[in-house]
Amino acid sequence: MAPKTSQLLGLSNPELYAATFTALGEAGPGLDPFGVFSTILTRKQTGKYGKDIVGIVKAPDSIVTGK
């Protein structure tokens, strides 16, 4: 059986859901949610913004797109 996306990315289910919903909500119509998702994953990897994606996306002004 192939590994799940969350397993490949090393994310818990709550982290995957938080990252997905944030990426889709922040990107908005006609914009690229993958860019937002990539930013979220990068922030987790650097450790500068927190170690848990749920905390990263809930932080004030944590995700800013080209608005």
C-alpha atoms as a PDB file:
ATOM      1  CA  MET A   1       0.000   0.000   0.000  1.00  0.00           C
ATOM      2  CA  ALA A   2       1.309   3.435  -0.932  1.00  0.00           C
ATOM      3  CA  PRO A   3       1.963   5.886   1.896  1.00  0.00           C
ATOM      4  CA  LYS A   4      -0.538   8.669   2.512  1.00  0.00           C
ATOM      5  CA  THR A   5       0.295  12.291   1.732  1.00  0.00           C
ATOM      6  CA  SER A   6       0.457  13.119   5.431  1.00  0.00           C
ATOM      7  CA  GLN A   7       2.991  10.329   5.939  1.00  0.00           C
ATOM      8  CA  LEU A   8       5.141  11.490   3.032  1.00  0.00           C
ATOM      9  CA  LEU A   9       5.185  15.043   4.395  1.00  0.00           C
ATOM     10  CA  GLY A  10       5.584  13.975   8.021  1.00  0.00           C
ATOM     11  CA  LEU A  11       2.346  15.696   9.084  1.00  0.00           C
ATOM     12  CA  SER A  12      -0.297  14.700  11.572  1.00  0.00           C
ATOM     13  CA  ASN A  13      -3.888  14.710  10.326  1.00  0.00           C
ATOM     14  CA  PRO A  14      -4.673  17.997  12.139  1.00  0.00           C
ATOM     15  CA  GLU A  15      -1.584  19.590  10.538  1.00  0.00           C
ATOM     16  CA  LEU A  16      -2.565  18.390   7.064  1.00  0.00           C
ATOM     17  CA  TYR A  17      -6.110  19.702   7.474  1.00  0.00           C
ATOM     18  CA  ALA A  18      -4.905  23.052   8.838  1.00  0.00           C
ATOM     19  CA  ALA A  19      -2.405  23.495   6.005  1.00  0.00           C
ATOM     20  CA  THR A  20      -4.934  22.487   3.342  1.00  0.00           C
ATOM     21  CA  PHE A  21      -7.766  24.697   4.588  1.00  0.00           C
ATOM     22  CA  THR A  22      -5.412  27.637   5.077  1.00  0.00           C
ATOM     23  CA  ALA A  23      -3.890  27.241   1.610  1.00  0.00           C
ATOM     24  CA  LEU A  24      -7.296  27.035  -0.061  1.00  0.00           C
ATOM     25  CA  GLY A  25      -8.712  29.939   1.949  1.00  0.00           C
ATOM     26  CA  GLU A  26      -5.732  32.255   1.624  1.00  0.00           C
ATOM     27  CA  ALA A  27      -5.154  31.683  -2.076  1.00  0.00           C
ATOM     28  CA  GLY A  28      -8.635  32.823  -3.026  1.00  0.00           C
ATOM     29  CA  PRO A  29     -10.250  32.564  -6.445  1.00  0.00           C
ATOM     30  CA  GLY A  30      -7.805  32.343  -9.324  1.00  0.00           C
ATOM     31  CA  LEU A  31      -4.706  32.236  -7.125  1.00  0.00           C
ATOM     32  CA  ASP A  32      -2.324  29.333  -6.496  1.00  0.00           C
ATOM     33  CA  PRO A  33      -2.979  27.435  -3.235  1.00  0.00           C
ATOM     34  CA  PHE A  34       0.221  25.434  -3.772  1.00  0.00           C
ATOM     35  CA  GLY A  35       2.312  28.540  -3.172  1.00  0.00           C
ATOM     36  CA  VAL A  36       0.609  29.093   0.180  1.00  0.00           C
ATOM     37  CA  PHE A  37       0.947  25.402   1.067  1.00  0.00           C
ATOM     38  CA  SER A  38       4.646  25.530   0.181  1.00  0.00           C
ATOM     39  CA  THR A  39       5.130  28.583   2.402  1.00  0.00           C
ATOM     40  CA  ILE A  40       3.453  26.796   5.307  1.00  0.00           C
ATOM     41  CA  LEU A  41       5.665  23.713   4.889  1.00  0.00           C
ATOM     42  CA  THR A  42       8.783  25.862   4.591  1.00  0.00           C
ATOM     43  CA  ARG A  43       7.910  27.722   7.774  1.00  0.00           C
ATOM     44  CA  LYS A  44       7.539  24.427   9.601  1.00  0.00           C
ATOM     45  CA  GLN A  45      10.891  23.176   8.281  1.00  0.00           C
ATOM     46  CA  THR A  46      12.800  26.288   9.315  1.00  0.00           C
ATOM     47  CA  GLY A  47      11.414  26.161  12.841  1.00  0.00           C
ATOM     48  CA  LYS A  48      11.405  29.966  13.023  1.00  0.00           C
ATOM     49  CA  TYR A  49       7.608  30.160  13.056  1.00  0.00           C
ATOM     50  CA  GLY A  50       6.881  27.179  15.289  1.00  0.00           C
ATOM     51  CA  LYS A  51       7.120  23.433  14.992  1.00  0.00           C
ATOM     52  CA  ASP A  52       3.433  22.651  14.576  1.00  0.00           C
ATOM     53  CA  ILE A  53       1.504  23.713  11.472  1.00  0.00           C
ATOM     54  CA  VAL A  54      -1.697  24.276  13.425  1.00  0.00           C
ATOM     55  CA  GLY A  55       0.097  26.859  15.549  1.00  0.00           C
ATOM     56  CA  ILE A  56       1.821  28.390  12.533  1.00  0.00           C
ATOM     57  CA  VAL A  57      -1.388  29.003  10.583  1.00  0.00           C
ATOM     58  CA  LYS A  58      -3.281  30.285  13.640  1.00  0.00           C
ATOM     59  CA  ALA A  59      -0.629  32.850  14.560  1.00  0.00           C
ATOM     60  CA  PRO A  60      -1.688  36.469  13.915  1.00  0.00           C
ATOM     61  CA  ASP A  61      -0.590  37.672  10.469  1.00  0.00           C
ATOM     62  CA  SER A  62       1.098  34.329   9.875  1.00  0.00           C
ATOM     63  CA  ILE A  63       0.126  33.884   6.244  1.00  0.00           C
ATOM     64  CA  VAL A  64       0.070  36.828   3.879  1.00  0.00           C
ATOM     65  CA  THR A  65      -0.610  36.429   0.189  1.00  0.00           C
ATOM     66  CA  GLY A  66      -0.347  38.936  -2.615  1.00  0.00           C
ATOM     67  CA  LYS A  67      -3.359  40.938  -1.446  1.00  0.00           C
END
